[in-house]
Amino acid sequence: MHYNHAANLGSYNKQAGDDGMKNADNPAMPTLTYDHGAAMQGLAVSVTDAPGLTKREMMAMHILSGLLSDYEFDVTRQMAAEIAVQQADALLAELEKSQ
């Protein structure tokens, strides 16, 4: 996927609904790379096919890290993971309301 350098450099962060994807499913940190072949055609940025973690996954990871940093948080690993995902979903739902 290539983007016009002048119009789109650094503007990969699409709004939810642009392509049918929910905001939670968009890449948390899409990887941009310089593509010499594209530059020769007037395009300078390409987005890799491996965008990495979704926003939902990234949020759940950070929430889980916070939960597990509390040594008094006494639940199973499975329960901690479920709570982290539930909290990420709740945060994303709240963020959708504010848009």
N, C-alpha and C. Protein backbone atom coordinates (compact mmCIF):
# COMPACT_ATOMS: atom_id res chain seq x y z
N MET A 1 0.85 -1.16 0.00
CA MET A 1 0.00 0.00 0.00
C MET A 1 0.90 1.23 0.00
N HIS A 2 0.77 2.10 -0.96
CA HIS A 2 1.62 3.28 -1.06
C HIS A 2 0.77 4.54 -0.95
N TYR A 3 1.40 5.59 -0.46
CA TYR A 3 0.72 6.87 -0.28
C TYR A 3 1.50 7.97 -0.97
N ASN A 4 0.81 8.96 -1.48
CA ASN A 4 1.43 10.11 -2.11
C ASN A 4 2.19 10.88 -1.05
N HIS A 5 3.48 11.08 -1.30
CA HIS A 5 4.36 11.72 -0.33
C HIS A 5 3.84 13.10 0.09
N ALA A 6 3.52 13.93 -0.84
CA ALA A 6 3.13 15.30 -0.53
C ALA A 6 1.82 15.34 0.25
N ALA A 7 0.88 14.48 -0.12
CA ALA A 7 -0.44 14.55 0.49
C ALA A 7 -0.56 13.72 1.76
N ASN A 8 0.23 12.64 1.89
CA ASN A 8 -0.04 11.70 2.95
C ASN A 8 1.12 11.35 3.86
N LEU A 9 2.24 11.98 3.75
CA LEU A 9 3.38 11.63 4.59
C LEU A 9 2.99 11.74 6.06
N GLY A 10 3.07 10.62 6.74
CA GLY A 10 2.76 10.60 8.16
C GLY A 10 1.29 10.67 8.49
N SER A 11 0.41 10.49 7.50
CA SER A 11 -1.02 10.62 7.78
C SER A 11 -1.74 9.29 7.66
N TYR A 12 -1.09 8.21 8.05
CA TYR A 12 -1.72 6.90 7.96
C TYR A 12 -2.80 6.70 9.02
N ASN A 13 -2.80 7.46 10.08
CA ASN A 13 -3.75 7.26 11.17
C ASN A 13 -5.16 7.58 10.70
N LYS A 14 -5.83 6.56 10.17
CA LYS A 14 -7.18 6.73 9.63
C LYS A 14 -8.21 6.87 10.74
N GLN A 15 -9.31 7.48 10.42
CA GLN A 15 -10.41 7.58 11.36
C GLN A 15 -11.23 6.29 11.29
N ALA A 16 -11.84 5.92 12.40
CA ALA A 16 -12.67 4.73 12.43
C ALA A 16 -13.76 4.85 11.38
N GLY A 17 -13.99 3.78 10.66
CA GLY A 17 -15.04 3.76 9.65
C GLY A 17 -14.56 4.08 8.26
N ASP A 18 -13.34 4.60 8.09
CA ASP A 18 -12.82 4.93 6.77
C ASP A 18 -12.76 3.71 5.87
N ASP A 19 -12.43 2.57 6.43
CA ASP A 19 -12.28 1.35 5.64
C ASP A 19 -13.10 0.21 6.21
N GLY A 20 -14.08 0.51 7.04
CA GLY A 20 -14.91 -0.50 7.65
C GLY A 20 -14.32 -1.10 8.91
N MET A 21 -13.09 -0.72 9.25
CA MET A 21 -12.46 -1.24 10.46
C MET A 21 -12.88 -0.39 11.65
N LYS A 22 -13.04 -1.04 12.79
CA LYS A 22 -13.28 -0.30 14.02
C LYS A 22 -11.95 0.29 14.47
N ASN A 23 -12.01 1.37 15.22
CA ASN A 23 -10.81 2.02 15.74
C ASN A 23 -9.93 1.02 16.49
N ALA A 24 -10.55 0.12 17.25
CA ALA A 24 -9.80 -0.86 18.05
C ALA A 24 -8.96 -1.78 17.18
N ASP A 25 -9.38 -1.98 15.93
CA ASP A 25 -8.68 -2.91 15.04
C ASP A 25 -7.60 -2.25 14.20
N ASN A 26 -7.52 -0.92 14.24
CA ASN A 26 -6.47 -0.23 13.50
C ASN A 26 -5.13 -0.46 14.20
N PRO A 27 -4.03 -0.35 13.45
CA PRO A 27 -2.72 -0.56 14.06
C PRO A 27 -2.43 0.48 15.14
N ALA A 28 -1.83 0.04 16.23
CA ALA A 28 -1.45 0.96 17.30
C ALA A 28 -0.29 1.84 16.85
N MET A 29 0.66 1.25 16.16
CA MET A 29 1.83 1.96 15.68
C MET A 29 2.22 1.42 14.30
N PRO A 30 1.52 1.84 13.25
CA PRO A 30 1.85 1.31 11.93
C PRO A 30 3.30 1.61 11.57
N THR A 31 3.91 0.69 10.89
CA THR A 31 5.32 0.83 10.53
C THR A 31 5.42 1.51 9.17
N LEU A 32 6.07 2.64 9.13
CA LEU A 32 6.29 3.34 7.88
C LEU A 32 7.73 3.12 7.45
N THR A 33 7.93 2.81 6.20
CA THR A 33 9.28 2.60 5.70
C THR A 33 9.48 3.39 4.42
N TYR A 34 10.70 3.78 4.17
CA TYR A 34 11.03 4.46 2.93
C TYR A 34 11.15 3.42 1.83
N ASP A 35 10.52 3.67 0.72
CA ASP A 35 10.54 2.74 -0.41
C ASP A 35 11.13 3.47 -1.61
N HIS A 36 12.38 3.13 -1.96
CA HIS A 36 13.07 3.82 -3.05
C HIS A 36 12.31 3.68 -4.37
N GLY A 37 11.78 2.49 -4.64
CA GLY A 37 11.02 2.28 -5.88
C GLY A 37 9.80 3.19 -5.95
N ALA A 38 9.12 3.33 -4.82
CA ALA A 38 7.95 4.21 -4.77
C ALA A 38 8.38 5.66 -4.94
N ALA A 39 9.52 6.02 -4.35
CA ALA A 39 10.01 7.39 -4.46
C ALA A 39 10.29 7.75 -5.91
N MET A 40 10.77 6.80 -6.69
CA MET A 40 11.05 7.04 -8.10
C MET A 40 9.77 7.29 -8.89
N GLN A 41 8.64 6.87 -8.33
CA GLN A 41 7.34 7.09 -8.98
C GLN A 41 6.60 8.26 -8.35
N GLY A 42 7.28 9.03 -7.52
CA GLY A 42 6.66 10.19 -6.88
C GLY A 42 6.03 9.87 -5.54
N LEU A 43 6.20 8.65 -5.08
CA LEU A 43 5.66 8.24 -3.78
C LEU A 43 6.84 7.95 -2.86
N ALA A 44 6.75 8.30 -1.60
CA ALA A 44 7.92 8.11 -0.73
C ALA A 44 7.67 7.28 0.51
N VAL A 45 6.45 6.97 0.82
CA VAL A 45 6.18 6.24 2.05
C VAL A 45 5.32 5.02 1.72
N SER A 46 5.65 3.90 2.32
CA SER A 46 4.80 2.74 2.19
C SER A 46 4.51 2.19 3.58
N VAL A 47 3.37 1.58 3.73
CA VAL A 47 2.99 0.98 5.00
C VAL A 47 3.20 -0.51 4.85
N THR A 48 3.88 -1.11 5.81
CA THR A 48 4.18 -2.53 5.71
C THR A 48 2.91 -3.36 5.83
N ASP A 49 3.01 -4.60 5.42
CA ASP A 49 1.89 -5.53 5.55
C ASP A 49 1.79 -6.10 6.96
N ALA A 50 2.73 -5.77 7.82
CA ALA A 50 2.73 -6.26 9.20
C ALA A 50 2.61 -5.07 10.15
N PRO A 51 1.40 -4.57 10.37
CA PRO A 51 1.23 -3.36 11.17
C PRO A 51 1.48 -3.55 12.65
N GLY A 52 1.63 -4.77 13.12
CA GLY A 52 1.91 -4.99 14.54
C GLY A 52 0.63 -5.10 15.35
N LEU A 53 0.72 -4.71 16.60
CA LEU A 53 -0.42 -4.83 17.52
C LEU A 53 -1.54 -3.87 17.15
N THR A 54 -2.78 -4.31 17.39
CA THR A 54 -3.91 -3.40 17.23
C THR A 54 -3.96 -2.48 18.45
N LYS A 55 -4.75 -1.44 18.35
CA LYS A 55 -4.92 -0.54 19.49
C LYS A 55 -5.49 -1.30 20.68
N ARG A 56 -6.44 -2.19 20.42
CA ARG A 56 -7.05 -2.99 21.49
C ARG A 56 -6.00 -3.86 22.17
N GLU A 57 -5.17 -4.53 21.38
CA GLU A 57 -4.13 -5.38 21.96
C GLU A 57 -3.12 -4.56 22.76
N MET A 58 -2.75 -3.40 22.25
CA MET A 58 -1.79 -2.55 22.94
C MET A 58 -2.37 -2.06 24.27
N MET A 59 -3.64 -1.65 24.26
CA MET A 59 -4.26 -1.21 25.51
C MET A 59 -4.33 -2.34 26.52
N ALA A 60 -4.76 -3.52 26.07
CA ALA A 60 -4.87 -4.67 26.98
C ALA A 60 -3.50 -5.01 27.57
N MET A 61 -2.45 -4.92 26.75
CA MET A 61 -1.11 -5.21 27.23
C MET A 61 -0.71 -4.26 28.37
N HIS A 62 -0.98 -2.98 28.18
CA HIS A 62 -0.60 -2.00 29.21
C HIS A 62 -1.47 -2.14 30.46
N ILE A 63 -2.74 -2.42 30.26
CA ILE A 63 -3.62 -2.62 31.41
C ILE A 63 -3.17 -3.84 32.20
N LEU A 64 -2.87 -4.94 31.51
CA LEU A 64 -2.41 -6.15 32.18
C LEU A 64 -1.12 -5.89 32.95
N SER A 65 -0.23 -5.14 32.35
CA SER A 65 1.02 -4.80 33.03
C SER A 65 0.75 -4.05 34.33
N GLY A 66 -0.17 -3.12 34.28
CA GLY A 66 -0.53 -2.37 35.48
C GLY A 66 -1.17 -3.26 36.54
N LEU A 67 -2.07 -4.14 36.11
CA LEU A 67 -2.71 -5.05 37.06
C LEU A 67 -1.69 -5.94 37.75
N LEU A 68 -0.78 -6.49 36.97
CA LEU A 68 0.20 -7.44 37.52
C LEU A 68 1.29 -6.76 38.34
N SER A 69 1.41 -5.44 38.21
CA SER A 69 2.43 -4.73 39.01
C SER A 69 2.00 -4.58 40.46
N ASP A 70 0.72 -4.82 40.72
CA ASP A 70 0.21 -4.75 42.10
C ASP A 70 0.30 -6.15 42.72
N TYR A 71 1.25 -6.35 43.60
CA TYR A 71 1.46 -7.69 44.17
C TYR A 71 0.26 -8.17 44.99
N GLU A 72 -0.64 -7.28 45.39
CA GLU A 72 -1.83 -7.68 46.12
C GLU A 72 -2.99 -8.08 45.22
N PHE A 73 -2.83 -7.89 43.92
CA PHE A 73 -3.86 -8.26 42.94
C PHE A 73 -3.80 -9.78 42.79
N ASP A 74 -4.65 -10.48 43.52
CA ASP A 74 -4.56 -11.93 43.64
C ASP A 74 -5.62 -12.63 42.79
N VAL A 75 -5.32 -12.84 41.53
CA VAL A 75 -6.20 -13.58 40.62
C VAL A 75 -5.33 -14.49 39.76
N THR A 76 -5.98 -15.41 39.06
CA THR A 76 -5.22 -16.28 38.15
C THR A 76 -4.77 -15.49 36.94
N ARG A 77 -3.81 -16.01 36.22
CA ARG A 77 -3.34 -15.35 35.00
C ARG A 77 -4.47 -15.19 34.00
N GLN A 78 -5.30 -16.22 33.88
CA GLN A 78 -6.43 -16.17 32.95
C GLN A 78 -7.40 -15.05 33.33
N MET A 79 -7.70 -14.93 34.63
CA MET A 79 -8.61 -13.88 35.08
C MET A 79 -8.01 -12.50 34.84
N ALA A 80 -6.71 -12.35 35.09
CA ALA A 80 -6.05 -11.06 34.86
C ALA A 80 -6.13 -10.68 33.39
N ALA A 81 -5.91 -11.65 32.50
CA ALA A 81 -5.98 -11.38 31.06
C ALA A 81 -7.40 -10.98 30.66
N GLU A 82 -8.39 -11.67 31.20
CA GLU A 82 -9.78 -11.35 30.88
C GLU A 82 -10.14 -9.94 31.36
N ILE A 83 -9.71 -9.59 32.55
CA ILE A 83 -9.98 -8.25 33.08
C ILE A 83 -9.32 -7.19 32.20
N ALA A 84 -8.08 -7.44 31.79
CA ALA A 84 -7.37 -6.47 30.94
C ALA A 84 -8.10 -6.24 29.63
N VAL A 85 -8.59 -7.32 29.00
CA VAL A 85 -9.31 -7.19 27.73
C VAL A 85 -10.64 -6.47 27.95
N GLN A 86 -11.34 -6.80 29.05
CA GLN A 86 -12.60 -6.13 29.35
C GLN A 86 -12.39 -4.63 29.57
N GLN A 87 -11.33 -4.29 30.28
CA GLN A 87 -11.03 -2.88 30.52
C GLN A 87 -10.65 -2.16 29.22
N ALA A 88 -9.90 -2.82 28.36
CA ALA A 88 -9.54 -2.23 27.07
C ALA A 88 -10.79 -1.98 26.25
N ASP A 89 -11.70 -2.96 26.23
CA ASP A 89 -12.96 -2.79 25.49
C ASP A 89 -13.80 -1.66 26.06
N ALA A 90 -13.83 -1.55 27.38
CA ALA A 90 -14.59 -0.47 28.02
C ALA A 90 -13.99 0.89 27.67
N LEU A 91 -12.68 0.98 27.68
CA LEU A 91 -12.01 2.24 27.32
C LEU A 91 -12.28 2.60 25.87
N LEU A 92 -12.17 1.64 24.98
CA LEU A 92 -12.45 1.92 23.56
C LEU A 92 -13.89 2.34 23.34
N ALA A 93 -14.83 1.70 24.03
CA ALA A 93 -16.24 2.07 23.92
C ALA A 93 -16.47 3.50 24.40
N GLU A 94 -15.82 3.86 25.49
CA GLU A 94 -15.94 5.23 26.02
C GLU A 94 -15.33 6.24 25.06
N LEU A 95 -14.21 5.90 24.47
CA LEU A 95 -13.58 6.79 23.50
C LEU A 95 -14.44 6.98 22.26
N GLU A 96 -15.15 5.93 21.85
CA GLU A 96 -16.05 6.04 20.70
C GLU A 96 -17.19 7.03 20.99
N LYS A 97 -17.67 7.05 22.23
CA LYS A 97 -18.74 7.98 22.62
C LYS A 97 -18.32 9.43 22.47
N SER A 98 -17.06 9.70 22.75
CA SER A 98 -16.60 11.08 22.77
C SER A 98 -16.26 11.63 21.38
N GLN A 99 -16.37 10.82 20.36
CA GLN A 99 -16.04 11.29 19.00
C GLN A 99 -17.25 11.82 18.29
